[in-house]
């Protein structure tokens, strides 16, 4: 019950789609976990499909530890021969097999003796938090338990690279938190590419974060670096921040007659500057006047979109507001951060 030495993944994936081409160069160091985030349809799952061998390349090359798996247009290694496993939103367990037989399937297919594969399967099932569950079939397991078995099955196959395609998205918050912690522990030292929509997943699992927009990488770096200084509006939304573009003026951020102060030092006057803050830090009731454009419900309140800023407020604070209303807003300078804008 071992995982092979961590492998290096190197890829340039080019896949032409109807509206744009996915063109992503990605290098993952041995044992590193890279999170890939972006809007729906940006090309993230296309990237994973190409790495897994499910989507053919139109151009580019994929290699693991120097072994070329794909080179467009002629070389393409079958998915089962790559040493790469893909774990998605659906556990995709064989319904007629027990948890033990599901986990043992990969090793047995590789020629491992049945008794050895089953014993290792029981160990893996225990390692993912389900000791004694080997005899249960998928329909006797909860959604979270099925995902645990799917993780055990993936790792029992001794992959060189693991691909995660939002495996937590269909789970409730408590179960997702438990599976996230288990993944963090079990994937330590395993070369992993994880597609997610949740910044919590990226922060918990990944060493590095890559932002993809319309098939291109627009920002990458450590998770902390990208989330604290998002370079695009998409990255800012992922980080839970509002990002307003203006320029440095007199030690503050300014765009037209809108001016924001911050505890940060602004760069030289005229430098392009992004003001970053959370919509929940915007206060309504006093300060500068703005016109309400729209109101959007959130799990905990209401997002009030104005022609200047977005404010997240309680339902009580939003009561009676309508598009076209004039509100006054303010924000504590201590809640505003500056970042270079390109």
Protein backbone atom coordinates (compact mmCIF):
# COMPACT_ATOMS: atom_id res chain seq x y z
CA UNK A 1 0.00 0.00 0.00
CA UNK A 2 2.39 2.65 -1.27
CA UNK A 3 2.29 5.65 -3.55
CA UNK A 4 5.10 5.87 -6.14
CA UNK A 5 7.65 8.62 -5.88
CA UNK A 6 6.06 11.92 -6.84
CA UNK A 7 6.31 12.76 -10.52
CA UNK A 8 6.83 16.01 -12.40
CA UNK A 9 4.06 16.98 -14.81
CA UNK A 10 4.78 19.22 -17.77
CA UNK A 11 2.12 20.16 -20.28
CA UNK A 12 1.11 22.56 -22.97
CA UNK A 13 -2.53 21.88 -23.72
CA UNK A 14 -4.08 23.38 -26.84
CA UNK A 15 -7.68 22.41 -27.57
CA UNK A 16 -9.72 24.45 -30.03
CA UNK A 17 -13.31 25.08 -29.01
CA UNK A 18 -16.16 26.78 -30.83
CA UNK A 19 -15.74 30.20 -29.22
CA UNK A 20 -12.06 30.19 -28.23
CA UNK A 21 -8.99 27.98 -27.96
CA UNK A 22 -7.76 26.63 -24.66
CA UNK A 23 -4.00 27.23 -24.61
CA UNK A 24 -2.50 26.48 -21.21
CA UNK A 25 1.12 25.74 -20.28
CA UNK A 26 1.38 24.06 -16.89
CA UNK A 27 4.36 22.68 -15.00
CA UNK A 28 3.76 20.93 -11.68
CA UNK A 29 6.71 19.98 -9.50
CA UNK A 30 6.90 16.53 -7.90
CA UNK A 31 4.52 16.40 -4.96
CA UNK A 32 3.07 19.87 -5.64
CA UNK A 33 -0.67 20.58 -5.64
CA UNK A 34 -1.82 23.22 -8.10
CA UNK A 35 -5.36 24.57 -7.90
CA UNK A 36 -6.98 25.82 -11.10
CA UNK A 37 -9.82 28.32 -10.79
CA UNK A 38 -11.92 30.45 -13.11
CA UNK A 39 -15.44 31.01 -14.31
CA UNK A 40 -17.56 28.18 -15.68
CA UNK A 41 -16.61 27.49 -19.28
CA UNK A 42 -13.12 29.00 -18.96
CA UNK A 43 -11.42 25.75 -20.02
CA UNK A 44 -10.56 24.16 -16.67
CA UNK A 45 -12.28 20.81 -17.27
CA UNK A 46 -10.93 20.78 -20.84
CA UNK A 47 -7.45 21.00 -19.33
CA UNK A 48 -8.10 18.04 -17.02
CA UNK A 49 -9.69 16.04 -19.82
CA UNK A 50 -6.58 16.51 -21.95
CA UNK A 51 -4.24 15.57 -19.11
CA UNK A 52 -6.31 12.45 -18.40
CA UNK A 53 -6.30 11.43 -22.07
CA UNK A 54 -10.04 11.91 -22.52
CA UNK A 55 -9.73 15.00 -24.76
CA UNK A 56 -7.34 14.94 -27.74
CA UNK A 57 -4.85 17.77 -28.19
CA UNK A 58 -5.01 20.01 -31.22
CA UNK A 59 -1.48 21.12 -30.41
CA UNK A 60 1.01 20.81 -27.57
CA UNK A 61 2.56 18.05 -25.49
CA UNK A 62 2.03 16.31 -22.15
CA UNK A 63 4.76 14.49 -20.25
CA UNK A 64 5.22 12.91 -16.82
CA UNK A 65 8.80 12.71 -15.54
CA UNK A 66 10.04 13.26 -19.08
CA UNK A 67 7.94 10.46 -20.56
CA UNK A 68 5.89 11.99 -23.37
CA UNK A 69 2.27 10.86 -23.16
CA UNK A 70 0.78 13.08 -25.83
CA UNK A 71 2.30 15.05 -28.67
CA UNK A 72 -0.14 16.48 -31.17
CA UNK A 73 -1.09 15.40 -33.72
CA UNK A 74 0.20 11.79 -33.75
CA UNK A 75 1.20 10.53 -30.29
CA UNK A 76 -1.56 9.83 -27.78
CA UNK A 77 -1.30 7.46 -24.84
CA UNK A 78 -4.49 5.69 -23.72
CA UNK A 79 -5.96 6.93 -20.40
CA UNK A 80 -5.34 3.63 -18.58
CA UNK A 81 -1.64 3.69 -19.49
CA UNK A 82 -0.80 7.19 -18.24
CA UNK A 83 -0.42 6.71 -14.51
CA UNK A 84 -2.89 9.58 -14.12
CA UNK A 85 -6.21 9.27 -12.30
CA UNK A 86 -9.16 11.67 -12.49
CA UNK A 87 -11.50 12.10 -9.53
CA UNK A 88 -14.64 14.08 -10.36
CA UNK A 89 -17.90 15.23 -8.82
CA UNK A 90 -19.46 11.79 -9.27
CA UNK A 91 -17.69 8.98 -7.40
CA UNK A 92 -18.48 6.62 -10.34
CA UNK A 93 -18.12 3.48 -8.24
CA UNK A 94 -19.05 0.16 -9.84
CA UNK A 95 -22.54 -0.41 -8.38
CA UNK A 96 -22.30 -4.22 -8.42
CA UNK A 97 -19.00 -4.31 -6.51
CA UNK A 98 -18.35 -3.84 -2.81
CA UNK A 99 -16.23 -0.96 -1.61
CA UNK A 100 -13.35 -3.39 -1.21
CA UNK A 101 -13.65 -4.70 -4.77
CA UNK A 102 -14.00 -1.17 -6.14
CA UNK A 103 -10.74 -0.13 -4.49
CA UNK A 104 -8.99 -3.37 -5.45
CA UNK A 105 -10.05 -3.05 -9.09
CA UNK A 106 -7.08 -0.96 -10.24
CA UNK A 107 -4.34 -3.09 -8.65
CA UNK A 108 -6.01 -6.31 -9.83
CA UNK A 109 -6.20 -4.92 -13.38
CA UNK A 110 -2.47 -4.25 -13.14
CA UNK A 111 -1.80 -7.90 -12.26
CA UNK A 112 -1.65 -7.76 -8.45
CA UNK A 113 -2.87 -10.96 -6.82
CA UNK A 114 -6.48 -10.75 -5.64
CA UNK A 115 -5.68 -11.46 -2.00
CA UNK A 116 -2.97 -8.79 -1.93
CA UNK A 117 -5.16 -6.23 -3.71
CA UNK A 118 -8.08 -6.84 -1.34
CA UNK A 119 -5.91 -6.55 1.75
CA UNK A 120 -4.46 -3.28 0.46
CA UNK A 121 -8.00 -2.10 -0.38
CA UNK A 122 -9.09 -2.63 3.22
CA UNK A 123 -6.11 -0.59 4.40
CA UNK A 124 -6.94 2.24 2.00
CA UNK A 125 -10.60 2.21 3.04
CA UNK A 126 -9.49 2.58 6.65
CA UNK A 127 -7.09 5.37 5.71
CA UNK A 128 -9.89 7.42 4.17
CA UNK A 129 -11.95 7.08 7.35
CA UNK A 130 -14.21 4.08 6.64
CA UNK A 131 -12.72 1.14 8.57
CA UNK A 132 -14.82 -2.00 8.25
CA UNK A 133 -16.83 -0.70 5.28
CA UNK A 134 -15.25 -3.00 2.71
CA UNK A 135 -18.29 -5.25 2.34
CA UNK A 136 -20.75 -2.43 1.68
CA UNK A 137 -21.95 -1.66 -1.83
CA UNK A 138 -22.23 1.90 -3.19
CA UNK A 139 -25.99 2.06 -2.62
CA UNK A 140 -25.32 1.39 1.07
CA UNK A 141 -22.98 4.38 1.32
CA UNK A 142 -23.78 8.09 1.67
CA UNK A 143 -22.53 10.55 -0.94
CA UNK A 144 -19.60 11.53 1.28
CA UNK A 145 -18.73 7.89 1.95
CA UNK A 146 -18.81 7.15 -1.77
CA UNK A 147 -16.35 9.99 -2.39
CA UNK A 148 -14.05 8.58 0.32
CA UNK A 149 -14.11 5.21 -1.42
CA UNK A 150 -13.45 6.94 -4.75
CA UNK A 151 -10.37 8.61 -3.26
CA UNK A 152 -9.19 5.25 -1.90
CA UNK A 153 -9.72 3.63 -5.32
CA UNK A 154 -7.79 6.43 -7.04
CA UNK A 155 -4.80 6.23 -4.70
CA UNK A 156 -4.77 2.41 -4.58
CA UNK A 157 -3.99 2.48 -8.30
CA UNK A 158 -0.62 4.08 -7.37
CA UNK A 159 -0.98 7.07 -9.73
CA UNK A 160 1.90 9.32 -10.69
CA UNK A 161 -0.50 12.27 -10.96
CA UNK A 162 -3.96 12.89 -9.46
CA UNK A 163 -6.51 15.18 -11.12
CA UNK A 164 -9.42 16.54 -9.06
CA UNK A 165 -12.42 17.97 -10.90
CA UNK A 166 -14.49 19.60 -8.14
CA UNK A 167 -14.99 16.39 -6.12
CA UNK A 168 -16.62 18.31 -3.23
CA UNK A 169 -19.16 20.39 -5.14
CA UNK A 170 -22.11 18.00 -4.66
CA UNK A 171 -21.54 17.49 -0.93
CA UNK A 172 -23.08 19.39 1.97
CA UNK A 173 -20.82 21.86 3.80
CA UNK A 174 -20.04 19.59 6.76
CA UNK A 175 -19.25 16.55 4.61
CA UNK A 176 -17.21 18.66 2.17
CA UNK A 177 -15.13 19.98 5.09
CA UNK A 178 -14.44 16.43 6.27
CA UNK A 179 -13.49 15.19 2.78
CA UNK A 180 -11.32 18.28 2.23
CA UNK A 181 -9.33 17.53 5.39
CA UNK A 182 -8.97 13.90 4.32
CA UNK A 183 -7.77 14.91 0.85
CA UNK A 184 -5.22 17.31 2.33
CA UNK A 185 -3.77 14.46 4.39
CA UNK A 186 -3.91 11.70 1.76
CA UNK A 187 -2.64 13.80 -1.16
CA UNK A 188 0.39 15.14 0.72
CA UNK A 189 3.39 14.43 -1.49
CA UNK A 190 1.24 13.40 -4.48
CA UNK A 191 1.48 15.50 -7.65
CA UNK A 192 -2.02 16.94 -8.02
CA UNK A 193 -3.96 19.33 -10.25
CA UNK A 194 -7.23 20.38 -8.61
CA UNK A 195 -9.99 22.27 -10.42
CA UNK A 196 -12.33 24.02 -8.01
CA UNK A 197 -14.76 26.94 -7.74
CA UNK A 198 -14.15 27.29 -4.01
CA UNK A 199 -11.27 29.42 -2.71
CA UNK A 200 -11.49 27.43 0.54
CA UNK A 201 -10.47 24.30 -1.40
CA UNK A 202 -7.54 26.15 -2.97
CA UNK A 203 -6.37 27.52 0.38
CA UNK A 204 -6.72 24.14 2.11
CA UNK A 205 -5.26 21.87 -0.55
CA UNK A 206 -2.96 23.77 -2.90
CA UNK A 207 0.58 25.11 -2.92
CA UNK A 208 -0.06 27.23 -5.99
CA UNK A 209 -3.10 28.82 -7.61
CA UNK A 210 -3.65 29.32 -11.35
CA UNK A 211 -6.44 31.56 -12.65
CA UNK A 212 -7.81 30.64 -16.09
CA UNK A 213 -9.94 32.98 -18.20
CA UNK A 214 -11.18 32.08 -21.70
CA UNK A 215 -8.61 29.34 -22.06
CA UNK A 216 -5.58 31.34 -20.91
CA UNK A 217 -3.73 31.69 -17.63
CA UNK A 218 -4.16 35.27 -16.43
CA UNK A 219 -2.49 34.96 -13.01
CA UNK A 220 -0.57 32.38 -11.01
CA UNK A 221 1.45 32.25 -7.83
CA UNK A 222 1.15 31.05 -4.27
CA UNK A 223 -2.43 30.79 -3.08
CA UNK A 224 -1.90 33.59 -0.57
CA UNK A 225 -0.30 35.86 -3.18
CA UNK A 226 -3.07 35.47 -5.75
CA UNK A 227 -5.95 35.79 -3.28
CA UNK A 228 -4.43 38.80 -1.53
CA UNK A 229 -3.54 40.69 -4.73
CA UNK A 230 -5.85 39.51 -7.53
CA UNK A 231 -4.75 40.83 -10.91
CA UNK A 232 -8.12 40.60 -12.67
CA UNK A 233 -11.79 41.00 -11.85
CA UNK A 234 -12.27 37.23 -12.06
CA UNK A 235 -9.46 36.61 -9.59
CA UNK A 236 -10.92 39.26 -7.30
CA UNK A 237 -14.34 37.60 -7.31
CA UNK A 238 -12.70 34.28 -6.47
CA UNK A 239 -10.95 35.96 -3.55
CA UNK A 240 -14.25 37.47 -2.39
CA UNK A 241 -13.07 41.01 -3.13
CA UNK A 242 -14.30 44.00 -5.07
CA UNK A 243 -11.62 45.44 -7.40
CA UNK A 244 -11.91 49.00 -8.65
CA UNK A 245 -9.37 50.32 -11.14
CA UNK A 246 -8.16 53.91 -10.95
CA UNK A 247 -4.85 55.63 -10.33
CA UNK A 248 -2.73 56.89 -7.47
CA UNK A 249 -3.43 60.51 -6.55
CA UNK A 250 -2.10 62.24 -3.48
CA UNK A 251 -1.51 59.03 -1.54
CA UNK A 252 -4.98 57.63 -2.32
CA UNK A 253 -6.90 55.83 -5.08
CA UNK A 254 -8.88 58.01 -7.43
CA UNK A 255 -11.14 57.62 -10.47
CA UNK A 256 -12.88 60.74 -11.62
CA UNK A 257 -14.23 62.37 -8.48
CA UNK A 258 -14.39 59.06 -6.59
CA UNK A 259 -11.56 58.82 -4.06
CA UNK A 260 -10.71 56.01 -1.62
CA UNK A 261 -8.23 56.22 1.22
CA UNK A 262 -6.30 53.25 2.60
CA UNK A 263 -3.80 52.41 5.29
CA UNK A 264 -1.57 51.21 2.44
CA UNK A 265 0.90 53.60 0.87
CA UNK A 266 -0.10 54.48 -2.68
CA UNK A 267 2.58 54.46 -5.41
CA UNK A 268 3.69 57.48 -7.42
CA UNK A 269 0.88 59.71 -8.69
CA UNK A 270 -0.50 58.57 -12.02
CA UNK A 271 0.34 54.88 -11.45
CA UNK A 272 -2.49 52.50 -12.36
CA UNK A 273 -3.90 51.25 -9.07
CA UNK A 274 -6.51 48.72 -7.92
CA UNK A 275 -8.49 49.35 -4.75
CA UNK A 276 -9.43 46.06 -3.08
CA UNK A 277 -12.05 45.59 -0.40
CA UNK A 278 -14.87 43.29 0.67
CA UNK A 279 -18.40 44.31 -0.23
CA UNK A 280 -19.38 43.42 3.33
CA UNK A 281 -17.15 46.27 4.55
CA UNK A 282 -19.13 48.90 2.63
CA UNK A 283 -21.55 50.70 4.94
CA UNK A 284 -24.81 52.27 3.79
CA UNK A 285 -26.43 55.25 5.44
CA UNK A 286 -23.90 58.06 5.27
CA UNK A 287 -21.10 59.32 3.07
CA UNK A 288 -21.03 59.55 -0.69
CA UNK A 289 -24.23 59.30 -2.79
CA UNK A 290 -24.68 56.49 -5.32
CA UNK A 291 -27.60 55.09 -7.32
CA UNK A 292 -28.85 51.55 -6.77
CA UNK A 293 -28.60 49.53 -9.99
CA UNK A 294 -29.75 46.10 -8.79
CA UNK A 295 -30.21 43.92 -5.72
CA UNK A 296 -29.11 40.29 -5.53
CA UNK A 297 -29.90 37.79 -2.75
CA UNK A 298 -26.99 36.02 -1.02
CA UNK A 299 -27.06 33.14 1.48
CA UNK A 300 -26.75 35.61 4.36
CA UNK A 301 -28.21 38.85 3.05
CA UNK A 302 -28.40 41.11 -0.01
CA UNK A 303 -25.85 42.48 -2.46
CA UNK A 304 -26.69 46.07 -3.31
CA UNK A 305 -25.13 46.98 -6.66
CA UNK A 306 -24.73 50.70 -7.18
CA UNK A 307 -23.18 52.74 -9.97
CA UNK A 308 -20.03 53.10 -7.83
CA UNK A 309 -19.59 50.16 -5.45
CA UNK A 310 -21.20 46.92 -4.29
CA UNK A 311 -22.33 46.56 -0.68
CA UNK A 312 -23.33 43.35 1.08
CA UNK A 313 -25.89 44.14 3.78
CA UNK A 314 -28.46 42.37 5.93
CA UNK A 315 -32.01 41.86 4.66
CA UNK A 316 -33.17 44.49 7.16
CA UNK A 317 -30.75 47.09 5.76
CA UNK A 318 -31.91 46.36 2.21
CA UNK A 319 -35.61 46.47 3.05
CA UNK A 320 -37.42 48.97 0.85
CA UNK A 321 -34.51 49.58 -1.52
CA UNK A 322 -35.30 49.58 -5.24
CA UNK A 323 -33.23 50.12 -8.40
CA UNK A 324 -32.98 53.85 -8.99
CA UNK A 325 -32.93 54.76 -5.30
CA UNK A 326 -30.09 56.96 -4.09
CA UNK A 327 -28.11 55.63 -1.13
CA UNK A 328 -25.11 56.94 0.75
CA UNK A 329 -22.12 54.74 1.36
CA UNK A 330 -18.74 54.77 3.06
CA UNK A 331 -15.88 52.40 3.85
CA UNK A 332 -13.25 52.47 6.58
CA UNK A 333 -9.81 53.15 4.98
CA UNK A 334 -8.42 50.35 7.15
CA UNK A 335 -10.58 47.95 5.10
CA UNK A 336 -9.17 49.07 1.73
CA UNK A 337 -5.97 47.69 0.23
CA UNK A 338 -4.06 48.86 -2.82
CA UNK A 339 -2.48 46.67 -5.48
CA UNK A 340 -0.80 47.49 -8.79
CA UNK A 341 -3.20 47.38 -11.75
CA UNK A 342 -2.23 46.37 -15.24
